[in-house]
Amino acid sequence: MSDIPVEKPSRRDGARKVMDSEDLEKHITRAQEVIASDKKEVPPFWINKYKKEAARNWDLFYKRNTTKFFKDRHWTDREFEELAQQDATSQKKCLEVGCGVGNFVFPALADNPHLFIYACDFSKRAVEMVQSNENYDEARCKAFVCDLTVDRLTDHIPENSLDLVSALFVFSAIPPEKMDIAINNIKAVLKPGGQVLFRDYGIYDEAQIKFSKASDKRLDENFYVRQDGTMSYFFSKEDLETRFEKEGFKTNRNEYVYRETTNRRLEMNVDRIFVQAKFEKTL
């Protein structure tokens, strides 16, 4: 039996797919069989090289793709109501970790005029693209280079000052043994009661199945390398919750999100599984 439950639809789920239990079981069974058959690990030399050169590989990614690869994230205030304008008299402060070229930052600023966003990425090239965007205004946004596992966020942001941290498809790029460092780094700049808004790749996602079929991409359990040297981890709800609660966060929400995307080149639909959560810094 699958450890991924079927989620009941809600008003927020306009862009989601509701999977019935039979379809989900078929998908999970197929995924488990493929993943279990993937016995080959990348040699230790290459594992260390990919981890050491992570920032460089993402920098090359943005050099190749510039601002054209990722779509703007107009769905975030639908999924995370904390980002929507609620009180016109007060300003919320948010940090976007792994900001890339601003696909979250600029739509969020446009939708909520009372939001200030710090934005960081460990790709210098990505941060430069944010800063050169015509909508970049330091009165409402400050972008800077930061490796969450090495650099202190408090060098750029006052301690205990943020209402929100947005972590969208960024923790999956961090080696699992360093995620606790990144979580504590974020914790230092959040106010007590502040929240981390999280979405990332879920276990048994179609991308994980594809990695396992290739049979030469596995760095560790649920952790893989792409052809371009960038890395990707796949979370279960239990794994994710354990990581944040171990560092003193409270789980306010934790669920799987199912999406169906279309691969136009192959003319086929692909089932995606993401994990979405909210974690609160306790008092």
C-alpha atoms as a PDB file:
ATOM      1  CA  MET A   1       0.000   0.000   0.000  1.00  0.00           C
ATOM      2  CA  SER A   2       1.127   3.555  -0.677  1.00  0.00           C
ATOM      3  CA  ASP A   3       2.217   5.915   2.098  1.00  0.00           C
ATOM      4  CA  ILE A   4       0.874   8.839   0.044  1.00  0.00           C
ATOM      5  CA  PRO A   5      -2.803   9.507   0.826  1.00  0.00           C
ATOM      6  CA  VAL A   6      -5.353  10.873  -1.610  1.00  0.00           C
ATOM      7  CA  GLU A   7      -5.965  14.547  -0.796  1.00  0.00           C
ATOM      8  CA  LYS A   8      -9.484  15.909  -0.776  1.00  0.00           C
ATOM      9  CA  PRO A   9      -9.993  18.776  -3.235  1.00  0.00           C
ATOM     10  CA  SER A  10     -10.507  22.299  -1.917  1.00  0.00           C
ATOM     11  CA  ARG A  11     -11.225  25.703  -3.367  1.00  0.00           C
ATOM     12  CA  ARG A  12      -7.482  26.242  -3.724  1.00  0.00           C
ATOM     13  CA  ASP A  13      -7.076  23.281  -6.017  1.00  0.00           C
ATOM     14  CA  GLY A  14      -7.987  24.821  -9.368  1.00  0.00           C
ATOM     15  CA  ALA A  15      -4.576  24.002 -10.831  1.00  0.00           C
ATOM     16  CA  ARG A  16      -4.222  20.662  -9.069  1.00  0.00           C
ATOM     17  CA  LYS A  17      -5.113  17.127 -10.089  1.00  0.00           C
ATOM     18  CA  VAL A  18      -7.303  14.973  -7.860  1.00  0.00           C
ATOM     19  CA  MET A  19      -5.996  11.403  -8.105  1.00  0.00           C
ATOM     20  CA  ASP A  20      -8.311   8.561  -7.117  1.00  0.00           C
ATOM     21  CA  SER A  21      -6.878   5.798  -4.937  1.00  0.00           C
ATOM     22  CA  GLU A  22      -6.613   3.232  -7.746  1.00  0.00           C
ATOM     23  CA  ASP A  23      -4.655   5.544 -10.062  1.00  0.00           C
ATOM     24  CA  LEU A  24      -2.417   6.621  -7.207  1.00  0.00           C
ATOM     25  CA  GLU A  25      -1.663   3.045  -6.184  1.00  0.00           C
ATOM     26  CA  LYS A  26      -0.720   2.171  -9.764  1.00  0.00           C
ATOM     27  CA  HIS A  27       1.581   5.161  -9.973  1.00  0.00           C
ATOM     28  CA  ILE A  28       3.259   4.452  -6.614  1.00  0.00           C
ATOM     29  CA  THR A  29       3.698   0.749  -7.382  1.00  0.00           C
ATOM     30  CA  ARG A  30       5.349   1.575 -10.705  1.00  0.00           C
ATOM     31  CA  ALA A  31       7.583   4.164  -9.023  1.00  0.00           C
ATOM     32  CA  GLN A  32       8.641   1.818  -6.217  1.00  0.00           C
ATOM     33  CA  GLU A  33       9.543  -0.939  -8.690  1.00  0.00           C
ATOM     34  CA  VAL A  34      11.669   1.384 -10.826  1.00  0.00           C
ATOM     35  CA  ILE A  35      13.405   2.999  -7.831  1.00  0.00           C
ATOM     36  CA  ALA A  36      14.099  -0.384  -6.189  1.00  0.00           C
ATOM     37  CA  SER A  37      15.778  -1.637  -9.366  1.00  0.00           C
ATOM     38  CA  ASP A  38      18.147   1.353  -9.474  1.00  0.00           C
ATOM     39  CA  LYS A  39      21.152  -0.093  -7.639  1.00  0.00           C
ATOM     40  CA  LYS A  40      23.929   1.887  -9.272  1.00  0.00           C
ATOM     41  CA  GLU A  41      25.339   4.878  -7.391  1.00  0.00           C
ATOM     42  CA  VAL A  42      27.502   7.646  -8.793  1.00  0.00           C
ATOM     43  CA  PRO A  43      31.159   7.131  -7.713  1.00  0.00           C
ATOM     44  CA  PRO A  44      32.225   9.083  -4.567  1.00  0.00           C
ATOM     45  CA  PHE A  45      34.638  11.303  -6.515  1.00  0.00           C
ATOM     46  CA  TRP A  46      31.789  12.593  -8.697  1.00  0.00           C
ATOM     47  CA  ILE A  47      29.379  12.927  -5.776  1.00  0.00           C
ATOM     48  CA  ASN A  48      31.847  15.221  -4.001  1.00  0.00           C
ATOM     49  CA  LYS A  49      32.525  17.131  -7.214  1.00  0.00           C
ATOM     50  CA  TYR A  50      28.804  17.781  -7.864  1.00  0.00           C
ATOM     51  CA  LYS A  51      28.310  18.991  -4.296  1.00  0.00           C
ATOM     52  CA  LYS A  52      31.421  21.191  -4.333  1.00  0.00           C
ATOM     53  CA  GLU A  53      30.498  22.751  -7.694  1.00  0.00           C
ATOM     54  CA  ALA A  54      26.768  23.227  -7.043  1.00  0.00           C
ATOM     55  CA  ALA A  55      26.860  27.039  -7.270  1.00  0.00           C
ATOM     56  CA  ARG A  56      28.983  26.915 -10.430  1.00  0.00           C
ATOM     57  CA  ASN A  57      26.602  24.436 -12.098  1.00  0.00           C
ATOM     58  CA  TRP A  58      23.566  26.601 -11.321  1.00  0.00           C
ATOM     59  CA  ASP A  59      25.456  29.649 -12.576  1.00  0.00           C
ATOM     60  CA  LEU A  60      26.055  27.827 -15.876  1.00  0.00           C
ATOM     61  CA  PHE A  61      22.372  26.856 -15.926  1.00  0.00           C
ATOM     62  CA  TYR A  62      21.338  30.517 -15.805  1.00  0.00           C
ATOM     63  CA  LYS A  63      23.995  31.435 -18.357  1.00  0.00           C
ATOM     64  CA  ARG A  64      22.424  28.957 -20.806  1.00  0.00           C
ATOM     65  CA  ASN A  65      18.775  29.642 -20.031  1.00  0.00           C
ATOM     66  CA  THR A  66      18.808  33.273 -18.786  1.00  0.00           C
ATOM     67  CA  THR A  67      15.249  34.235 -17.759  1.00  0.00           C
ATOM     68  CA  LYS A  68      13.494  31.902 -20.199  1.00  0.00           C
ATOM     69  CA  PHE A  69      13.410  28.534 -18.391  1.00  0.00           C
ATOM     70  CA  PHE A  70      11.022  28.965 -15.438  1.00  0.00           C
ATOM     71  CA  LYS A  71       7.555  30.483 -15.676  1.00  0.00           C
ATOM     72  CA  ASP A  72       6.473  33.292 -13.353  1.00  0.00           C
ATOM     73  CA  ARG A  73       4.800  31.881 -10.242  1.00  0.00           C
ATOM     74  CA  HIS A  74       1.385  33.502 -10.199  1.00  0.00           C
ATOM     75  CA  TRP A  75      -0.067  30.670  -8.104  1.00  0.00           C
ATOM     76  CA  THR A  76       1.730  31.422  -4.853  1.00  0.00           C
ATOM     77  CA  ASP A  77      -0.847  33.707  -3.212  1.00  0.00           C
ATOM     78  CA  ARG A  78      -3.554  31.177  -4.074  1.00  0.00           C
ATOM     79  CA  GLU A  79      -1.698  28.392  -2.284  1.00  0.00           C
ATOM     80  CA  PHE A  80      -0.239  30.579   0.475  1.00  0.00           C
ATOM     81  CA  GLU A  81      -2.768  33.181   1.565  1.00  0.00           C
ATOM     82  CA  GLU A  82      -0.122  34.745   3.834  1.00  0.00           C
ATOM     83  CA  LEU A  83       1.370  36.347   0.712  1.00  0.00           C
ATOM     84  CA  ALA A  84      -1.861  38.100  -0.262  1.00  0.00           C
ATOM     85  CA  GLN A  85      -2.539  41.677   0.799  1.00  0.00           C
ATOM     86  CA  GLN A  86      -4.475  41.551   4.073  1.00  0.00           C
ATOM     87  CA  ASP A  87      -3.747  44.727   6.030  1.00  0.00           C
ATOM     88  CA  ALA A  88      -3.136  47.878   4.010  1.00  0.00           C
ATOM     89  CA  THR A  89      -1.668  49.653   7.045  1.00  0.00           C
ATOM     90  CA  SER A  90       1.302  47.354   7.696  1.00  0.00           C
ATOM     91  CA  GLN A  91       4.132  45.975   5.606  1.00  0.00           C
ATOM     92  CA  LYS A  92       5.058  42.307   5.602  1.00  0.00           C
ATOM     93  CA  LYS A  93       8.670  41.276   5.160  1.00  0.00           C
ATOM     94  CA  CYS A  94       9.486  38.094   3.295  1.00  0.00           C
ATOM     95  CA  LEU A  95      12.660  36.291   2.212  1.00  0.00           C
ATOM     96  CA  GLU A  96      12.687  34.231  -0.974  1.00  0.00           C
ATOM     97  CA  VAL A  97      15.480  31.650  -0.762  1.00  0.00           C
ATOM     98  CA  GLY A  98      16.700  30.294  -4.081  1.00  0.00           C
ATOM     99  CA  CYS A  99      15.144  33.244  -5.883  1.00  0.00           C
ATOM    100  CA  GLY A 100      16.542  32.360  -9.311  1.00  0.00           C
ATOM    101  CA  VAL A 101      15.783  35.153 -11.770  1.00  0.00           C
ATOM    102  CA  GLY A 102      12.760  36.473  -9.852  1.00  0.00           C
ATOM    103  CA  ASN A 103       9.859  34.297 -11.021  1.00  0.00           C
ATOM    104  CA  PHE A 104       8.353  34.492  -7.533  1.00  0.00           C
ATOM    105  CA  VAL A 105       9.633  37.888  -6.467  1.00  0.00           C
ATOM    106  CA  PHE A 106       8.200  40.158  -9.142  1.00  0.00           C
ATOM    107  CA  PRO A 107       4.675  38.649  -9.369  1.00  0.00           C
ATOM    108  CA  ALA A 108       4.447  38.724  -5.550  1.00  0.00           C
ATOM    109  CA  LEU A 109       5.504  42.381  -5.382  1.00  0.00           C
ATOM    110  CA  ALA A 110       2.999  43.290  -8.114  1.00  0.00           C
ATOM    111  CA  ASP A 111       0.153  41.479  -6.348  1.00  0.00           C
ATOM    112  CA  ASN A 112       0.846  42.890  -2.879  1.00  0.00           C
ATOM    113  CA  PRO A 113       1.993  46.535  -2.675  1.00  0.00           C
ATOM    114  CA  HIS A 114       2.594  46.160   1.077  1.00  0.00           C
ATOM    115  CA  LEU A 115       5.169  43.383   0.756  1.00  0.00           C
ATOM    116  CA  PHE A 116       8.943  43.824   1.027  1.00  0.00           C
ATOM    117  CA  ILE A 117      11.042  40.915  -0.267  1.00  0.00           C
ATOM    118  CA  TYR A 118      14.619  39.963   0.408  1.00  0.00           C
ATOM    119  CA  ALA A 119      15.780  37.621  -2.355  1.00  0.00           C
ATOM    120  CA  CYS A 120      18.851  35.408  -2.321  1.00  0.00           C
ATOM    121  CA  ASP A 121      20.428  32.732  -4.481  1.00  0.00           C
ATOM    122  CA  PHE A 122      23.847  31.104  -4.551  1.00  0.00           C
ATOM    123  CA  SER A 123      24.092  31.786  -8.271  1.00  0.00           C
ATOM    124  CA  LYS A 124      25.706  35.196  -8.741  1.00  0.00           C
ATOM    125  CA  ARG A 125      24.415  35.307 -12.313  1.00  0.00           C
ATOM    126  CA  ALA A 126      20.799  34.731 -11.194  1.00  0.00           C
ATOM    127  CA  VAL A 127      21.012  37.522  -8.603  1.00  0.00           C
ATOM    128  CA  GLU A 128      22.435  39.894 -11.211  1.00  0.00           C
ATOM    129  CA  MET A 129      19.434  39.126 -13.442  1.00  0.00           C
ATOM    130  CA  VAL A 130      17.066  39.982 -10.591  1.00  0.00           C
ATOM    131  CA  GLN A 131      18.896  43.247  -9.946  1.00  0.00           C
ATOM    132  CA  SER A 132      18.832  44.183 -13.645  1.00  0.00           C
ATOM    133  CA  ASN A 133      15.091  43.523 -13.996  1.00  0.00           C
ATOM    134  CA  GLU A 134      13.173  46.697 -14.877  1.00  0.00           C
ATOM    135  CA  ASN A 135      10.855  46.082 -11.910  1.00  0.00           C
ATOM    136  CA  TYR A 136      13.653  45.804  -9.361  1.00  0.00           C
ATOM    137  CA  ASP A 137      13.308  48.578  -6.769  1.00  0.00           C
ATOM    138  CA  GLU A 138      15.420  48.513  -3.612  1.00  0.00           C
ATOM    139  CA  ALA A 139      12.662  50.351  -1.793  1.00  0.00           C
ATOM    140  CA  ARG A 140      10.705  47.095  -2.026  1.00  0.00           C
ATOM    141  CA  CYS A 141      13.295  44.400  -2.707  1.00  0.00           C
ATOM    142  CA  LYS A 142      16.890  43.563  -1.833  1.00  0.00           C
ATOM    143  CA  ALA A 143      18.668  40.776  -3.737  1.00  0.00           C
ATOM    144  CA  PHE A 144      21.980  39.271  -2.664  1.00  0.00           C
ATOM    145  CA  VAL A 145      24.164  36.214  -3.206  1.00  0.00           C
ATOM    146  CA  CYS A 146      24.002  33.632  -0.421  1.00  0.00           C
ATOM    147  CA  ASP A 147      24.748  29.935   0.000  1.00  0.00           C
ATOM    148  CA  LEU A 148      22.345  28.889   2.765  1.00  0.00           C
ATOM    149  CA  THR A 149      24.729  26.160   3.919  1.00  0.00           C
ATOM    150  CA  VAL A 150      27.746  28.486   4.228  1.00  0.00           C
ATOM    151  CA  ASP A 151      26.801  32.186   4.434  1.00  0.00           C
ATOM    152  CA  ARG A 152      24.868  33.740   7.323  1.00  0.00           C
ATOM    153  CA  LEU A 153      21.600  35.381   6.354  1.00  0.00           C
ATOM    154  CA  THR A 154      21.991  37.700   9.337  1.00  0.00           C
ATOM    155  CA  ASP A 155      24.826  39.425   7.461  1.00  0.00           C
ATOM    156  CA  HIS A 156      22.101  40.858   5.186  1.00  0.00           C
ATOM    157  CA  ILE A 157      18.862  40.659   7.199  1.00  0.00           C
ATOM    158  CA  PRO A 158      18.240  41.673  10.826  1.00  0.00           C
ATOM    159  CA  GLU A 159      17.789  38.754  13.218  1.00  0.00           C
ATOM    160  CA  ASN A 160      14.173  37.832  14.116  1.00  0.00           C
ATOM    161  CA  SER A 161      12.765  40.357  11.622  1.00  0.00           C
ATOM    162  CA  LEU A 162      10.863  38.446   8.916  1.00  0.00           C
ATOM    163  CA  ASP A 163       7.204  37.462   8.777  1.00  0.00           C
ATOM    164  CA  LEU A 164       7.676  34.882   6.017  1.00  0.00           C
ATOM    165  CA  VAL A 165      10.273  32.819   4.189  1.00  0.00           C
ATOM    166  CA  SER A 166       9.385  31.390   0.792  1.00  0.00           C
ATOM    167  CA  ALA A 167      11.223  28.148  -0.051  1.00  0.00           C
ATOM    168  CA  LEU A 168       9.924  26.989  -3.434  1.00  0.00           C
ATOM    169  CA  PHE A 169      11.864  24.203  -5.142  1.00  0.00           C
ATOM    170  CA  VAL A 170      15.122  25.167  -3.451  1.00  0.00           C
ATOM    171  CA  PHE A 171      15.755  22.657  -0.643  1.00  0.00           C
ATOM    172  CA  SER A 172      15.788  19.854  -3.207  1.00  0.00           C
ATOM    173  CA  ALA A 173      19.032  21.349  -4.562  1.00  0.00           C
ATOM    174  CA  ILE A 174      20.726  21.137  -1.148  1.00  0.00           C
ATOM    175  CA  PRO A 175      22.607  17.956  -0.144  1.00  0.00           C
ATOM    176  CA  PRO A 176      20.450  16.239   2.518  1.00  0.00           C
ATOM    177  CA  GLU A 177      23.247  16.250   5.107  1.00  0.00           C
ATOM    178  CA  LYS A 178      23.357  20.077   4.925  1.00  0.00           C
ATOM    179  CA  MET A 179      19.629  20.820   5.095  1.00  0.00           C
ATOM    180  CA  ASP A 180      19.727  21.328   8.872  1.00  0.00           C
ATOM    181  CA  ILE A 181      22.263  24.148   8.382  1.00  0.00           C
ATOM    182  CA  ALA A 182      19.956  25.862   5.882  1.00  0.00           C
ATOM    183  CA  ILE A 183      16.916  25.461   8.149  1.00  0.00           C
ATOM    184  CA  ASN A 184      18.707  27.020  11.118  1.00  0.00           C
ATOM    185  CA  ASN A 185      20.003  29.834   8.909  1.00  0.00           C
ATOM    186  CA  ILE A 186      16.413  30.651   7.926  1.00  0.00           C
ATOM    187  CA  LYS A 187      15.239  30.317  11.513  1.00  0.00           C
ATOM    188  CA  ALA A 188      17.657  33.047  12.629  1.00  0.00           C
ATOM    189  CA  VAL A 189      15.963  35.752  10.526  1.00  0.00           C
ATOM    190  CA  LEU A 190      12.323  34.733  11.118  1.00  0.00           C
ATOM    191  CA  LYS A 191      10.271  36.384  13.840  1.00  0.00           C
ATOM    192  CA  PRO A 192       8.842  34.085  16.503  1.00  0.00           C
ATOM    193  CA  GLY A 193       5.556  32.997  14.929  1.00  0.00           C
ATOM    194  CA  GLY A 194       6.903  33.619  11.417  1.00  0.00           C
ATOM    195  CA  GLN A 195       6.364  30.937   8.813  1.00  0.00           C
ATOM    196  CA  VAL A 196       8.294  29.075   6.130  1.00  0.00           C
ATOM    197  CA  LEU A 197       6.140  28.548   3.030  1.00  0.00           C
ATOM    198  CA  PHE A 198       7.470  25.398   1.369  1.00  0.00           C
ATOM    199  CA  ARG A 199       6.910  23.546  -1.896  1.00  0.00           C
ATOM    200  CA  ASP A 200       9.285  21.047  -3.485  1.00  0.00           C
ATOM    201  CA  TYR A 201       9.545  17.696  -5.248  1.00  0.00           C
ATOM    202  CA  GLY A 202       7.705  14.818  -3.592  1.00  0.00           C
ATOM    203  CA  ILE A 203       8.788  11.217  -3.387  1.00  0.00           C
ATOM    204  CA  TYR A 204       7.624   9.095  -6.381  1.00  0.00           C
ATOM    205  CA  ASP A 205       7.339  12.163  -8.581  1.00  0.00           C
ATOM    206  CA  GLU A 206       7.670  11.353 -12.273  1.00  0.00           C
ATOM    207  CA  ALA A 207      11.059  13.074 -12.340  1.00  0.00           C
ATOM    208  CA  GLN A 208      12.368  10.625  -9.712  1.00  0.00           C
ATOM    209  CA  ILE A 209      11.140   7.709 -11.829  1.00  0.00           C
ATOM    210  CA  LYS A 210      12.976   9.162 -14.826  1.00  0.00           C
ATOM    211  CA  PHE A 211      16.199   9.515 -12.816  1.00  0.00           C
ATOM    212  CA  SER A 212      15.943   5.898 -11.640  1.00  0.00           C
ATOM    213  CA  LYS A 213      15.329   4.601 -15.139  1.00  0.00           C
ATOM    214  CA  ALA A 214      18.553   6.275 -16.278  1.00  0.00           C
ATOM    215  CA  SER A 215      20.369   4.133 -13.652  1.00  0.00           C
ATOM    216  CA  ASP A 216      23.403   6.426 -13.390  1.00  0.00           C
ATOM    217  CA  LYS A 217      22.003   9.477 -11.574  1.00  0.00           C
ATOM    218  CA  ARG A 218      21.628   8.371  -7.934  1.00  0.00           C
ATOM    219  CA  LEU A 219      23.864  10.160  -5.424  1.00  0.00           C
ATOM    220  CA  ASP A 220      22.065   8.887  -2.316  1.00  0.00           C
ATOM    221  CA  GLU A 221      18.599   7.759  -1.251  1.00  0.00           C
ATOM    222  CA  ASN A 222      16.064  10.009  -3.036  1.00  0.00           C
ATOM    223  CA  PHE A 223      18.926  12.260  -4.194  1.00  0.00           C
ATOM    224  CA  TYR A 224      19.990  12.512  -7.856  1.00  0.00           C
ATOM    225  CA  VAL A 225      22.076  14.514 -10.297  1.00  0.00           C
ATOM    226  CA  ARG A 226      20.849  15.966 -13.583  1.00  0.00           C
ATOM    227  CA  GLN A 227      22.770  15.893 -16.840  1.00  0.00           C
ATOM    228  CA  ASP A 228      23.953  19.472 -16.242  1.00  0.00           C
ATOM    229  CA  GLY A 229      25.365  18.687 -12.793  1.00  0.00           C
ATOM    230  CA  THR A 230      22.565  20.288 -10.752  1.00  0.00           C
ATOM    231  CA  MET A 231      21.075  18.078  -8.032  1.00  0.00           C
ATOM    232  CA  SER A 232      17.557  17.175  -6.910  1.00  0.00           C
ATOM    233  CA  TYR A 233      16.174  15.584  -3.732  1.00  0.00           C
ATOM    234  CA  PHE A 234      12.663  14.117  -3.371  1.00  0.00           C
ATOM    235  CA  PHE A 235      10.830  14.536  -0.047  1.00  0.00           C
ATOM    236  CA  SER A 236       8.257  12.450   1.736  1.00  0.00           C
ATOM    237  CA  LYS A 237       5.977  14.345   4.115  1.00  0.00           C
ATOM    238  CA  GLU A 238       7.451  12.479   7.071  1.00  0.00           C
ATOM    239  CA  ASP A 239      11.037  13.230   6.061  1.00  0.00           C
ATOM    240  CA  LEU A 240      10.293  16.930   5.541  1.00  0.00           C
ATOM    241  CA  GLU A 241       8.371  17.303   8.803  1.00  0.00           C
ATOM    242  CA  THR A 242      11.120  15.587  10.777  1.00  0.00           C
ATOM    243  CA  ARG A 243      13.784  17.889   9.367  1.00  0.00           C
ATOM    244  CA  PHE A 244      11.964  21.093  10.346  1.00  0.00           C
ATOM    245  CA  GLU A 245      10.593  19.937  13.703  1.00  0.00           C
ATOM    246  CA  LYS A 246      14.058  18.721  14.740  1.00  0.00           C
ATOM    247  CA  GLU A 247      15.236  22.337  14.391  1.00  0.00           C
ATOM    248  CA  GLY A 248      12.414  23.735  16.529  1.00  0.00           C
ATOM    249  CA  PHE A 249       9.652  24.475  14.003  1.00  0.00           C
ATOM    250  CA  LYS A 250       5.982  23.591  14.365  1.00  0.00           C
ATOM    251  CA  THR A 251       4.176  22.042  11.393  1.00  0.00           C
ATOM    252  CA  ASN A 252       1.035  24.002  10.495  1.00  0.00           C
ATOM    253  CA  ARG A 253       0.354  22.209   7.203  1.00  0.00           C
ATOM    254  CA  ASN A 254       1.986  19.369   5.296  1.00  0.00           C
ATOM    255  CA  GLU A 255       0.447  17.721   2.234  1.00  0.00           C
ATOM    256  CA  TYR A 256       1.103  16.200  -1.157  1.00  0.00           C
ATOM    257  CA  VAL A 257       0.046  18.173  -4.226  1.00  0.00           C
ATOM    258  CA  TYR A 258      -0.684  16.341  -7.463  1.00  0.00           C
ATOM    259  CA  ARG A 259      -0.284  18.031 -10.823  1.00  0.00           C
ATOM    260  CA  GLU A 260      -0.623  16.810 -14.378  1.00  0.00           C
ATOM    261  CA  THR A 261       1.725  18.437 -16.883  1.00  0.00           C
ATOM    262  CA  THR A 262       1.924  17.949 -20.631  1.00  0.00           C
ATOM    263  CA  ASN A 263       5.171  17.090 -22.393  1.00  0.00           C
ATOM    264  CA  ARG A 264       4.442  18.568 -25.796  1.00  0.00           C
ATOM    265  CA  ARG A 265       7.565  17.116 -27.388  1.00  0.00           C
ATOM    266  CA  LEU A 266       6.600  13.566 -26.420  1.00  0.00           C
ATOM    267  CA  GLU A 267       2.855  14.270 -26.649  1.00  0.00           C
ATOM    268  CA  MET A 268       2.131  12.726 -23.259  1.00  0.00           C
ATOM    269  CA  ASN A 269       0.766  13.743 -19.858  1.00  0.00           C
ATOM    270  CA  VAL A 270       3.038  13.382 -16.839  1.00  0.00           C
ATOM    271  CA  ASP A 271       1.934  12.985 -13.204  1.00  0.00           C
ATOM    272  CA  ARG A 272       3.834  15.282 -10.837  1.00  0.00           C
ATOM    273  CA  ILE A 273       3.926  14.947  -7.060  1.00  0.00           C
ATOM    274  CA  PHE A 274       5.026  17.865  -4.900  1.00  0.00           C
ATOM    275  CA  VAL A 275       5.091  18.282  -1.129  1.00  0.00           C
ATOM    276  CA  GLN A 276       3.705  21.555   0.229  1.00  0.00           C
ATOM    277  CA  ALA A 277       3.951  22.735   3.814  1.00  0.00           C
ATOM    278  CA  LYS A 278       3.940  25.597   6.303  1.00  0.00           C
ATOM    279  CA  PHE A 279       6.342  25.570   9.244  1.00  0.00           C
ATOM    280  CA  GLU A 280       6.129  28.069  12.102  1.00  0.00           C
ATOM    281  CA  LYS A 281       9.026  29.290  14.217  1.00  0.00           C
ATOM    282  CA  THR A 282       7.987  28.640  17.794  1.00  0.00           C
ATOM    283  CA  LEU A 283       8.214  31.272  20.527  1.00  0.00           C
END
